[in-house]
Amino acid sequence: MGMFSFIKEAGEKLFGHGEAQAAQAAVVAAPTPENIQALSQAAGDAIATYIGTMNLDVEALEIAFDAPTGTVTVSGVVPDQATKEKVLLCCGNVASVQSVNDMMTVSSPEPESQMYVVVSGDNLSRVSKQFYGTPNKYTQIFEANKPMLTHPDKIYPGQVLRIPAEA
């Protein structure tokens, strides 16, 4: 449990359509407490839907987004540490999210992975060489970040990646 920081400007653009987009427009037009609350609710729902599309197994998933601070609070029960870390990354690698407050419980605790923030010019081979001493283990990093990553070459500056212990 704890607070994880992310780069607010980087990540999936989940709030640019549907109810979240309408709520953002309402806040820009009239930043009332009611409109800010509606934006927070719509954004939280969009993040929960995104986690659902990743097919991550979370019992009693609850997502709350605080629009003024850009903070997501996530709770629920996950079967393992890898799933927990993937859920945290799904929450944090979203544009407008600055931090994630982890309130999740892991059924079978394991050691935590390291987290790495992608910088300009990075690729998974370079990250693999940095953490494992060889560029050839980039597939281990790619697999550890599925389903959020769909292709090893599709990473972007500011994205946070899981770096599991060397297998």
Foldseek 3Di string as FASTA:
>chain_A
DFKDFFDQAAAAAQQCDDQLVVLVVVCVVPVDPVSQQSNQVVVQVSLVVQLVVQVQDWAPWDWTARQVVLEIEIETEHAEQLSLVLSLLSSRRYHSHGMYGYHYHYNDYDDFFDKDFDAPPDFLLVVCCVPPVGSVCSVVQVVSNPPVDPDRGPDDGRRMTTHHDDD
